[in-house]
Amino acid sequence: MNSAKLAAKSHPDHQTVVNLSDKVGFGGTELVIIGGPCTVESAEQMETVAQKLSAAPVQALRGGVYKPRTSPYAFQGMAEDGLEILAQVQSHYNIPVVTEVMAISQIEAIAAHVDMLQVGSRNMQNFDLLKALGQAGKPILLKRGLAATIEEFVMAAEYILSHGNPDVVLCERGIRSFDNYTRNVLDLGAVAVLKQITHLPVIVDPSHAVGKRELVAPLAKAAIACGADGLIIECHPEPEKSVSDARQALSLEDMVNLVHSLKPVAASVGRRISEDVGAGFKPAPLCCAA
């Protein structure tokens, strides 16, 4: 990976920590678990999610407000109304939030409301967007493309780094293959490789990798065991009613159980899951807050 001047490790122990807050950082001893629905649907939905997950403990919340959908007729997200909901949840529960950016025109508004901007797999090689995110002033979660090689993935991160943003987290989320039993094929080998050749934190998205909720937990545990710095997992108060990705979303109860089941796995590889989350929780419900 000689062409990666900024993403490559300078020595074996070179590891960047990307901070979302004074409590949450990717790449250190503590793992970061991001949870939440594929799509922000209402303030009430996100209130329920945040209340349950902040005590799980989950260190950051996810929720899409601009949605890249295969069909132009599918729900495209709540846009700026969704950003307002995420900002309320962030403030109310003192927990970082992550959402996807799809276009340069969205960067300013998204960066004003959330802690981390996600680049989805479809945009991994949207080079103009990557260049612009180099000036976003917020950490970037970069997902691997649908059929991207490891080198292409690392060089996509290099675009962001080379344009001024050092805070990039890589996310393995499965790649396309000939098999269709699962949504994609999770490449845990890529996680091990990326941890060896780059200093950037690496997390795993088992939800998009398998597309079936009953397979998420074992792959989440495997990801931690092979060196991932965290996970991003879809969950929903009523998974079967989710407006997108319903089949892969965990219930909130299953998400909480999964987080607790990860603790011994983390300990076995010298990592841990922080319990110090949501310390700023304010008891008034979001839907009734001034």
C-alpha atoms as a PDB file:
ATOM      1  CA  MET A   1       0.000   0.000   0.000  1.00  0.00           C
ATOM      2  CA  ASN A   2       2.865   2.345  -0.876  1.00  0.00           C
ATOM      3  CA  SER A   3       0.526   4.837  -2.562  1.00  0.00           C
ATOM      4  CA  ALA A   4      -1.255   5.595   0.734  1.00  0.00           C
ATOM      5  CA  LYS A   5       0.939   8.317   2.168  1.00  0.00           C
ATOM      6  CA  LEU A   6      -1.329   9.389   5.032  1.00  0.00           C
ATOM      7  CA  ALA A   7      -3.406   6.302   5.856  1.00  0.00           C
ATOM      8  CA  ALA A   8      -0.455   3.901   6.068  1.00  0.00           C
ATOM      9  CA  LYS A   9       1.158   3.012   9.382  1.00  0.00           C
ATOM     10  CA  SER A  10       4.523   4.611  10.055  1.00  0.00           C
ATOM     11  CA  HIS A  11       5.416   1.873  12.566  1.00  0.00           C
ATOM     12  CA  PRO A  12       3.648  -1.245  13.951  1.00  0.00           C
ATOM     13  CA  ASP A  13       2.200   0.545  16.993  1.00  0.00           C
ATOM     14  CA  HIS A  14       0.938   3.558  15.045  1.00  0.00           C
ATOM     15  CA  GLN A  15      -2.786   3.900  15.888  1.00  0.00           C
ATOM     16  CA  THR A  16      -4.960   6.972  15.504  1.00  0.00           C
ATOM     17  CA  VAL A  17      -7.801   7.581  17.950  1.00  0.00           C
ATOM     18  CA  VAL A  18     -10.775   9.406  16.426  1.00  0.00           C
ATOM     19  CA  ASN A  19     -12.795  11.158  19.124  1.00  0.00           C
ATOM     20  CA  LEU A  20     -16.526  11.806  18.919  1.00  0.00           C
ATOM     21  CA  SER A  21     -16.652  13.394  22.356  1.00  0.00           C
ATOM     22  CA  ASP A  22     -14.597  13.607  25.515  1.00  0.00           C
ATOM     23  CA  LYS A  23     -15.916  10.146  26.418  1.00  0.00           C
ATOM     24  CA  VAL A  24     -16.143   8.354  23.078  1.00  0.00           C
ATOM     25  CA  GLY A  25     -13.200   7.574  20.812  1.00  0.00           C
ATOM     26  CA  PHE A  26     -12.488   4.960  18.129  1.00  0.00           C
ATOM     27  CA  GLY A  27      -9.161   3.147  18.198  1.00  0.00           C
ATOM     28  CA  GLY A  28      -8.332   2.990  21.878  1.00  0.00           C
ATOM     29  CA  THR A  29      -8.799   0.198  24.395  1.00  0.00           C
ATOM     30  CA  GLU A  30     -12.517   0.905  24.662  1.00  0.00           C
ATOM     31  CA  LEU A  31     -14.763  -0.305  21.856  1.00  0.00           C
ATOM     32  CA  VAL A  32     -17.399   1.946  20.326  1.00  0.00           C
ATOM     33  CA  ILE A  33     -20.852   0.492  19.683  1.00  0.00           C
ATOM     34  CA  ILE A  34     -23.121   2.550  17.419  1.00  0.00           C
ATOM     35  CA  GLY A  35     -26.788   1.566  17.360  1.00  0.00           C
ATOM     36  CA  GLY A  36     -30.059   2.813  16.014  1.00  0.00           C
ATOM     37  CA  PRO A  37     -32.521   2.579  13.147  1.00  0.00           C
ATOM     38  CA  CYS A  38     -31.737   2.675   9.463  1.00  0.00           C
ATOM     39  CA  THR A  39     -33.985   5.717   9.151  1.00  0.00           C
ATOM     40  CA  VAL A  40     -35.156   8.480  11.462  1.00  0.00           C
ATOM     41  CA  GLU A  41     -38.946   8.222  11.337  1.00  0.00           C
ATOM     42  CA  SER A  42     -40.125  10.466  14.189  1.00  0.00           C
ATOM     43  CA  ALA A  43     -39.022  12.225  17.371  1.00  0.00           C
ATOM     44  CA  GLU A  44     -40.904   9.635  19.411  1.00  0.00           C
ATOM     45  CA  GLN A  45     -39.054   6.796  17.689  1.00  0.00           C
ATOM     46  CA  MET A  46     -35.626   8.309  18.370  1.00  0.00           C
ATOM     47  CA  GLU A  47     -36.582   9.150  21.962  1.00  0.00           C
ATOM     48  CA  THR A  48     -37.424   5.487  22.551  1.00  0.00           C
ATOM     49  CA  VAL A  49     -34.188   4.343  20.897  1.00  0.00           C
ATOM     50  CA  ALA A  50     -31.976   6.801  22.777  1.00  0.00           C
ATOM     51  CA  GLN A  51     -33.533   6.085  26.152  1.00  0.00           C
ATOM     52  CA  LYS A  52     -33.047   2.351  25.797  1.00  0.00           C
ATOM     53  CA  LEU A  53     -29.629   2.301  24.163  1.00  0.00           C
ATOM     54  CA  SER A  54     -27.919   4.990  26.221  1.00  0.00           C
ATOM     55  CA  ALA A  55     -28.238   2.644  29.201  1.00  0.00           C
ATOM     56  CA  ALA A  56     -27.195  -0.476  27.251  1.00  0.00           C
ATOM     57  CA  PRO A  57     -24.503   0.968  27.043  1.00  0.00           C
ATOM     58  CA  VAL A  58     -24.279   2.075  23.415  1.00  0.00           C
ATOM     59  CA  GLN A  59     -21.735   4.865  22.871  1.00  0.00           C
ATOM     60  CA  ALA A  60     -23.297   6.552  19.806  1.00  0.00           C
ATOM     61  CA  LEU A  61     -26.597   6.599  17.931  1.00  0.00           C
ATOM     62  CA  ARG A  62     -27.173   6.205  14.209  1.00  0.00           C
ATOM     63  CA  GLY A  63     -30.124   7.295  12.115  1.00  0.00           C
ATOM     64  CA  GLY A  64     -30.428   8.119   8.435  1.00  0.00           C
ATOM     65  CA  VAL A  65     -32.099  11.334   7.299  1.00  0.00           C
ATOM     66  CA  TYR A  66     -30.940  11.292   3.656  1.00  0.00           C
ATOM     67  CA  LYS A  67     -31.423   7.782   2.325  1.00  0.00           C
ATOM     68  CA  PRO A  68     -29.880   6.292  -0.852  1.00  0.00           C
ATOM     69  CA  ARG A  69     -32.589   3.854  -1.928  1.00  0.00           C
ATOM     70  CA  THR A  70     -32.463   1.421  -4.829  1.00  0.00           C
ATOM     71  CA  SER A  71     -35.980   2.452  -5.868  1.00  0.00           C
ATOM     72  CA  PRO A  72     -36.764   6.135  -6.477  1.00  0.00           C
ATOM     73  CA  TYR A  73     -40.228   5.441  -5.031  1.00  0.00           C
ATOM     74  CA  ALA A  74     -38.959   4.269  -1.635  1.00  0.00           C
ATOM     75  CA  PHE A  75     -38.867   6.580   1.392  1.00  0.00           C
ATOM     76  CA  GLN A  76     -35.919   8.957   0.970  1.00  0.00           C
ATOM     77  CA  GLY A  77     -35.637  10.209   4.559  1.00  0.00           C
ATOM     78  CA  MET A  78     -36.806  13.197   6.621  1.00  0.00           C
ATOM     79  CA  ALA A  79     -33.938  15.481   5.506  1.00  0.00           C
ATOM     80  CA  GLU A  80     -33.583  18.601   7.669  1.00  0.00           C
ATOM     81  CA  ASP A  81     -36.501  17.664   9.928  1.00  0.00           C
ATOM     82  CA  GLY A  82     -34.607  14.479  10.709  1.00  0.00           C
ATOM     83  CA  LEU A  83     -31.450  16.438  11.469  1.00  0.00           C
ATOM     84  CA  GLU A  84     -33.356  18.495  14.027  1.00  0.00           C
ATOM     85  CA  ILE A  85     -34.523  15.294  15.711  1.00  0.00           C
ATOM     86  CA  LEU A  86     -30.970  13.931  15.840  1.00  0.00           C
ATOM     87  CA  ALA A  87     -29.699  17.186  17.332  1.00  0.00           C
ATOM     88  CA  GLN A  88     -32.380  17.045  20.031  1.00  0.00           C
ATOM     89  CA  VAL A  89     -31.482  13.459  20.903  1.00  0.00           C
ATOM     90  CA  GLN A  90     -27.795  14.326  21.000  1.00  0.00           C
ATOM     91  CA  SER A  91     -28.374  17.209  23.406  1.00  0.00           C
ATOM     92  CA  HIS A  92     -30.986  15.467  25.514  1.00  0.00           C
ATOM     93  CA  TYR A  93     -28.996  12.291  26.142  1.00  0.00           C
ATOM     94  CA  ASN A  94     -25.470  13.702  25.813  1.00  0.00           C
ATOM     95  CA  ILE A  95     -24.685  10.969  23.300  1.00  0.00           C
ATOM     96  CA  PRO A  96     -22.961  11.403  19.908  1.00  0.00           C
ATOM     97  CA  VAL A  97     -24.979  10.848  16.734  1.00  0.00           C
ATOM     98  CA  VAL A  98     -23.983   9.636  13.261  1.00  0.00           C
ATOM     99  CA  THR A  99     -25.809  10.092   9.963  1.00  0.00           C
ATOM    100  CA  GLU A 100     -25.111   9.625   6.267  1.00  0.00           C
ATOM    101  CA  VAL A 101     -24.152  12.373   3.837  1.00  0.00           C
ATOM    102  CA  MET A 102     -24.870  11.825   0.145  1.00  0.00           C
ATOM    103  CA  ALA A 103     -23.969  15.129  -1.504  1.00  0.00           C
ATOM    104  CA  ILE A 104     -21.663  18.099  -1.083  1.00  0.00           C
ATOM    105  CA  SER A 105     -24.707  20.344  -0.722  1.00  0.00           C
ATOM    106  CA  GLN A 106     -25.735  18.460   2.449  1.00  0.00           C
ATOM    107  CA  ILE A 107     -22.422  18.717   4.305  1.00  0.00           C
ATOM    108  CA  GLU A 108     -22.913  22.092   5.990  1.00  0.00           C
ATOM    109  CA  ALA A 109     -26.351  21.317   7.400  1.00  0.00           C
ATOM    110  CA  ILE A 110     -25.410  17.819   8.550  1.00  0.00           C
ATOM    111  CA  ALA A 111     -22.158  18.947  10.184  1.00  0.00           C
ATOM    112  CA  ALA A 112     -24.111  21.570  12.143  1.00  0.00           C
ATOM    113  CA  HIS A 113     -26.354  18.925  13.708  1.00  0.00           C
ATOM    114  CA  VAL A 114     -24.371  15.695  14.221  1.00  0.00           C
ATOM    115  CA  ASP A 115     -21.011  14.462  15.516  1.00  0.00           C
ATOM    116  CA  MET A 116     -19.972  12.187  12.644  1.00  0.00           C
ATOM    117  CA  LEU A 117     -20.756  12.065   8.924  1.00  0.00           C
ATOM    118  CA  GLN A 118     -21.092   8.659   7.296  1.00  0.00           C
ATOM    119  CA  VAL A 119     -20.156   7.963   3.683  1.00  0.00           C
ATOM    120  CA  GLY A 120     -22.209   5.018   2.478  1.00  0.00           C
ATOM    121  CA  SER A 121     -20.907   2.214   0.311  1.00  0.00           C
ATOM    122  CA  ARG A 122     -22.433   3.707  -2.851  1.00  0.00           C
ATOM    123  CA  ASN A 123     -20.440   6.906  -2.350  1.00  0.00           C
ATOM    124  CA  MET A 124     -17.082   5.426  -1.340  1.00  0.00           C
ATOM    125  CA  GLN A 125     -15.591   6.564  -4.651  1.00  0.00           C
ATOM    126  CA  ASN A 126     -17.527   9.805  -4.981  1.00  0.00           C
ATOM    127  CA  PHE A 127     -14.236  11.653  -5.051  1.00  0.00           C
ATOM    128  CA  ASP A 128     -15.637  15.179  -5.109  1.00  0.00           C
ATOM    129  CA  LEU A 129     -17.662  14.367  -1.987  1.00  0.00           C
ATOM    130  CA  LEU A 130     -14.587  12.850  -0.300  1.00  0.00           C
ATOM    131  CA  LYS A 131     -12.525  15.950  -1.079  1.00  0.00           C
ATOM    132  CA  ALA A 132     -15.220  18.203   0.368  1.00  0.00           C
ATOM    133  CA  LEU A 133     -15.416  16.089   3.520  1.00  0.00           C
ATOM    134  CA  GLY A 134     -11.752  16.856   4.016  1.00  0.00           C
ATOM    135  CA  GLN A 135     -12.964  20.332   4.980  1.00  0.00           C
ATOM    136  CA  ALA A 136     -16.045  19.260   6.965  1.00  0.00           C
ATOM    137  CA  GLY A 137     -14.506  19.717  10.399  1.00  0.00           C
ATOM    138  CA  LYS A 138     -16.160  16.554  11.721  1.00  0.00           C
ATOM    139  CA  PRO A 139     -15.083  12.884  11.912  1.00  0.00           C
ATOM    140  CA  ILE A 140     -15.977  10.733   8.901  1.00  0.00           C
ATOM    141  CA  LEU A 141     -17.215   7.134   8.925  1.00  0.00           C
ATOM    142  CA  LEU A 142     -16.223   5.681   5.552  1.00  0.00           C
ATOM    143  CA  LYS A 143     -17.930   2.465   4.477  1.00  0.00           C
ATOM    144  CA  ARG A 144     -16.330   0.051   2.046  1.00  0.00           C
ATOM    145  CA  GLY A 145     -17.860   0.006  -1.427  1.00  0.00           C
ATOM    146  CA  LEU A 146     -20.021  -2.855  -2.665  1.00  0.00           C
ATOM    147  CA  ALA A 147     -17.155  -4.431  -4.610  1.00  0.00           C
ATOM    148  CA  ALA A 148     -14.176  -2.351  -3.552  1.00  0.00           C
ATOM    149  CA  THR A 149     -10.743  -3.837  -3.084  1.00  0.00           C
ATOM    150  CA  ILE A 150      -8.864  -3.094   0.124  1.00  0.00           C
ATOM    151  CA  GLU A 151      -6.546  -0.767  -1.782  1.00  0.00           C
ATOM    152  CA  GLU A 152      -9.473   1.155  -3.276  1.00  0.00           C
ATOM    153  CA  PHE A 153     -10.985   1.447   0.190  1.00  0.00           C
ATOM    154  CA  VAL A 154      -7.805   2.801   1.746  1.00  0.00           C
ATOM    155  CA  MET A 155      -7.276   5.233  -1.125  1.00  0.00           C
ATOM    156  CA  ALA A 156     -10.813   6.569  -0.655  1.00  0.00           C
ATOM    157  CA  ALA A 157      -9.811   7.386   2.926  1.00  0.00           C
ATOM    158  CA  GLU A 158      -6.642   8.963   1.548  1.00  0.00           C
ATOM    159  CA  TYR A 159      -8.776  11.481  -0.367  1.00  0.00           C
ATOM    160  CA  ILE A 160     -10.346  12.705   2.873  1.00  0.00           C
ATOM    161  CA  LEU A 161      -7.049  12.732   4.747  1.00  0.00           C
ATOM    162  CA  SER A 162      -5.189  14.529   1.973  1.00  0.00           C
ATOM    163  CA  HIS A 163      -7.783  17.314   1.951  1.00  0.00           C
ATOM    164  CA  GLY A 164      -7.283  18.175   5.596  1.00  0.00           C
ATOM    165  CA  ASN A 165      -9.423  15.858   7.728  1.00  0.00           C
ATOM    166  CA  PRO A 166      -7.377  13.425   9.879  1.00  0.00           C
ATOM    167  CA  ASP A 167     -10.433  11.906  11.590  1.00  0.00           C
ATOM    168  CA  VAL A 168     -11.492   8.962   9.428  1.00  0.00           C
ATOM    169  CA  VAL A 169     -12.920   5.652  10.640  1.00  0.00           C
ATOM    170  CA  LEU A 170     -13.089   2.737   8.193  1.00  0.00           C
ATOM    171  CA  CYS A 171     -16.122   0.436   8.141  1.00  0.00           C
ATOM    172  CA  GLU A 172     -16.232  -3.061   6.664  1.00  0.00           C
ATOM    173  CA  ARG A 173     -19.875  -3.799   5.776  1.00  0.00           C
ATOM    174  CA  GLY A 174     -19.659  -6.778   3.473  1.00  0.00           C
ATOM    175  CA  ILE A 175     -19.000  -7.035  -0.239  1.00  0.00           C
ATOM    176  CA  ARG A 176     -20.954  -8.593  -3.082  1.00  0.00           C
ATOM    177  CA  SER A 177     -20.287 -12.190  -4.087  1.00  0.00           C
ATOM    178  CA  PHE A 178     -21.910 -15.029  -6.002  1.00  0.00           C
ATOM    179  CA  ASP A 179     -23.767 -16.193  -2.885  1.00  0.00           C
ATOM    180  CA  ASN A 180     -27.093 -14.581  -2.017  1.00  0.00           C
ATOM    181  CA  TYR A 181     -28.060 -16.375   1.185  1.00  0.00           C
ATOM    182  CA  THR A 182     -26.833 -13.319   3.072  1.00  0.00           C
ATOM    183  CA  ARG A 183     -27.197  -9.750   1.849  1.00  0.00           C
ATOM    184  CA  ASN A 184     -23.428  -9.442   1.404  1.00  0.00           C
ATOM    185  CA  VAL A 185     -20.326 -11.391   2.424  1.00  0.00           C
ATOM    186  CA  LEU A 186     -18.629 -10.015   5.519  1.00  0.00           C
ATOM    187  CA  ASP A 187     -14.875  -9.815   4.924  1.00  0.00           C
ATOM    188  CA  LEU A 188     -13.331 -10.143   8.362  1.00  0.00           C
ATOM    189  CA  GLY A 189     -10.006 -10.801   6.687  1.00  0.00           C
ATOM    190  CA  ALA A 190     -10.136  -7.198   5.520  1.00  0.00           C
ATOM    191  CA  VAL A 191     -10.472  -6.056   9.128  1.00  0.00           C
ATOM    192  CA  ALA A 192      -7.282  -7.861  10.092  1.00  0.00           C
ATOM    193  CA  VAL A 193      -5.464  -6.515   7.029  1.00  0.00           C
ATOM    194  CA  LEU A 194      -6.611  -2.937   7.582  1.00  0.00           C
ATOM    195  CA  LYS A 195      -5.464  -3.050  11.201  1.00  0.00           C
ATOM    196  CA  GLN A 196      -2.026  -4.108   9.984  1.00  0.00           C
ATOM    197  CA  ILE A 197      -1.533  -1.656   7.127  1.00  0.00           C
ATOM    198  CA  THR A 198      -3.327   1.494   8.355  1.00  0.00           C
ATOM    199  CA  HIS A 199      -3.370   3.478  11.572  1.00  0.00           C
ATOM    200  CA  LEU A 200      -7.047   4.347  11.111  1.00  0.00           C
ATOM    201  CA  PRO A 201      -9.715   2.819  13.371  1.00  0.00           C
ATOM    202  CA  VAL A 202     -11.737   0.013  11.777  1.00  0.00           C
ATOM    203  CA  ILE A 203     -15.293  -0.950  12.686  1.00  0.00           C
ATOM    204  CA  VAL A 204     -17.743  -3.514  11.289  1.00  0.00           C
ATOM    205  CA  ASP A 205     -21.378  -3.319  10.191  1.00  0.00           C
ATOM    206  CA  PRO A 206     -22.760  -6.854  10.580  1.00  0.00           C
ATOM    207  CA  SER A 207     -26.324  -5.705   9.839  1.00  0.00           C
ATOM    208  CA  HIS A 208     -25.650  -4.786   6.211  1.00  0.00           C
ATOM    209  CA  ALA A 209     -23.261  -7.681   5.829  1.00  0.00           C
ATOM    210  CA  VAL A 210     -25.850 -10.378   6.487  1.00  0.00           C
ATOM    211  CA  GLY A 211     -29.238  -8.696   6.143  1.00  0.00           C
ATOM    212  CA  LYS A 212     -30.816 -11.162   8.608  1.00  0.00           C
ATOM    213  CA  ARG A 213     -31.179 -10.212  12.258  1.00  0.00           C
ATOM    214  CA  GLU A 214     -30.559 -13.726  13.570  1.00  0.00           C
ATOM    215  CA  LEU A 215     -27.044 -13.689  12.079  1.00  0.00           C
ATOM    216  CA  VAL A 216     -25.966 -10.294  13.420  1.00  0.00           C
ATOM    217  CA  ALA A 217     -24.847 -11.386  16.912  1.00  0.00           C
ATOM    218  CA  PRO A 218     -22.349 -14.117  15.920  1.00  0.00           C
ATOM    219  CA  LEU A 219     -20.708 -11.890  13.316  1.00  0.00           C
ATOM    220  CA  ALA A 220     -20.572  -8.985  15.759  1.00  0.00           C
ATOM    221  CA  LYS A 221     -18.681 -11.190  18.205  1.00  0.00           C
ATOM    222  CA  ALA A 222     -16.361 -12.436  15.468  1.00  0.00           C
ATOM    223  CA  ALA A 223     -15.607  -8.861  14.417  1.00  0.00           C
ATOM    224  CA  ILE A 224     -14.526  -7.899  17.923  1.00  0.00           C
ATOM    225  CA  ALA A 225     -12.468 -11.076  18.247  1.00  0.00           C
ATOM    226  CA  CYS A 226     -10.520 -10.323  15.052  1.00  0.00           C
ATOM    227  CA  GLY A 227      -9.587  -6.796  16.104  1.00  0.00           C
ATOM    228  CA  ALA A 228     -12.375  -4.399  15.104  1.00  0.00           C
ATOM    229  CA  ASP A 229     -12.494  -1.151  17.086  1.00  0.00           C
ATOM    230  CA  GLY A 230     -16.268  -1.138  17.210  1.00  0.00           C
ATOM    231  CA  LEU A 231     -19.564  -1.976  15.544  1.00  0.00           C
ATOM    232  CA  ILE A 232     -22.466  -0.189  13.900  1.00  0.00           C
ATOM    233  CA  ILE A 233     -25.706  -2.139  14.241  1.00  0.00           C
ATOM    234  CA  GLU A 234     -29.266  -1.447  13.135  1.00  0.00           C
ATOM    235  CA  CYS A 235     -32.044  -1.722  15.715  1.00  0.00           C
ATOM    236  CA  HIS A 236     -35.588  -0.414  15.932  1.00  0.00           C
ATOM    237  CA  PRO A 237     -38.391  -0.216  18.536  1.00  0.00           C
ATOM    238  CA  GLU A 238     -40.579  -2.317  16.217  1.00  0.00           C
ATOM    239  CA  PRO A 239     -38.278  -3.906  13.620  1.00  0.00           C
ATOM    240  CA  GLU A 240     -41.059  -5.352  11.479  1.00  0.00           C
ATOM    241  CA  LYS A 241     -42.477  -1.831  11.044  1.00  0.00           C
ATOM    242  CA  SER A 242     -39.195  -0.182  10.017  1.00  0.00           C
ATOM    243  CA  VAL A 243     -39.577   1.806   6.796  1.00  0.00           C
ATOM    244  CA  SER A 244     -36.269   0.383   5.535  1.00  0.00           C
ATOM    245  CA  ASP A 245     -34.055  -2.641   6.241  1.00  0.00           C
ATOM    246  CA  ALA A 246     -36.705  -4.202   8.475  1.00  0.00           C
ATOM    247  CA  ARG A 247     -35.370  -7.742   8.000  1.00  0.00           C
ATOM    248  CA  GLN A 248     -31.951  -6.960   9.455  1.00  0.00           C
ATOM    249  CA  ALA A 249     -32.942  -4.683  12.336  1.00  0.00           C
ATOM    250  CA  LEU A 250     -32.700  -6.012  15.885  1.00  0.00           C
ATOM    251  CA  SER A 251     -35.272  -5.179  18.515  1.00  0.00           C
ATOM    252  CA  LEU A 252     -34.007  -2.792  21.179  1.00  0.00           C
ATOM    253  CA  GLU A 253     -34.082  -5.609  23.724  1.00  0.00           C
ATOM    254  CA  ASP A 254     -31.982  -7.839  21.475  1.00  0.00           C
ATOM    255  CA  MET A 255     -29.567  -4.958  20.909  1.00  0.00           C
ATOM    256  CA  VAL A 256     -29.095  -4.485  24.664  1.00  0.00           C
ATOM    257  CA  ASN A 257     -28.542  -8.210  25.134  1.00  0.00           C
ATOM    258  CA  LEU A 258     -26.017  -8.250  22.310  1.00  0.00           C
ATOM    259  CA  VAL A 259     -23.995  -5.408  23.826  1.00  0.00           C
ATOM    260  CA  HIS A 260     -23.744  -7.254  27.142  1.00  0.00           C
ATOM    261  CA  SER A 261     -22.795 -10.500  25.374  1.00  0.00           C
ATOM    262  CA  LEU A 262     -19.880  -8.701  23.707  1.00  0.00           C
ATOM    263  CA  LYS A 263     -18.178  -7.835  26.991  1.00  0.00           C
ATOM    264  CA  PRO A 264     -16.420 -11.190  27.558  1.00  0.00           C
ATOM    265  CA  VAL A 265     -15.371 -11.303  23.900  1.00  0.00           C
ATOM    266  CA  ALA A 266     -13.874  -7.834  24.227  1.00  0.00           C
ATOM    267  CA  ALA A 267     -12.085  -8.802  27.430  1.00  0.00           C
ATOM    268  CA  SER A 268     -10.567 -11.851  25.752  1.00  0.00           C
ATOM    269  CA  VAL A 269      -8.728  -9.594  23.267  1.00  0.00           C
ATOM    270  CA  GLY A 270      -7.747  -6.916  25.782  1.00  0.00           C
ATOM    271  CA  ARG A 271     -10.585  -4.514  25.009  1.00  0.00           C
ATOM    272  CA  ARG A 272     -13.627  -3.324  26.918  1.00  0.00           C
ATOM    273  CA  ILE A 273     -16.986  -1.612  26.440  1.00  0.00           C
ATOM    274  CA  SER A 274     -17.377   1.600  28.402  1.00  0.00           C
ATOM    275  CA  GLU A 275     -20.270   1.884  30.842  1.00  0.00           C
ATOM    276  CA  ASP A 276     -19.887   5.678  31.110  1.00  0.00           C
ATOM    277  CA  VAL A 277     -22.524   6.690  28.563  1.00  0.00           C
ATOM    278  CA  GLY A 278     -25.480   9.061  28.694  1.00  0.00           C
ATOM    279  CA  ALA A 279     -24.292  10.868  31.823  1.00  0.00           C
ATOM    280  CA  GLY A 280     -26.044  14.012  30.638  1.00  0.00           C
ATOM    281  CA  PHE A 281     -29.510  12.422  30.379  1.00  0.00           C
ATOM    282  CA  LYS A 282     -32.365  14.803  31.152  1.00  0.00           C
ATOM    283  CA  PRO A 283     -35.582  13.070  32.202  1.00  0.00           C
ATOM    284  CA  ALA A 284     -38.165  15.132  30.282  1.00  0.00           C
ATOM    285  CA  PRO A 285     -39.208  13.224  27.110  1.00  0.00           C
ATOM    286  CA  LEU A 286     -38.077  14.711  23.825  1.00  0.00           C
ATOM    287  CA  CYS A 287     -41.557  14.888  22.375  1.00  0.00           C
ATOM    288  CA  CYS A 288     -42.610  17.139  25.257  1.00  0.00           C
ATOM    289  CA  ALA A 289     -39.427  19.168  25.663  1.00  0.00           C
ATOM    290  CA  ALA A 290     -39.454  22.913  25.089  1.00  0.00           C
END
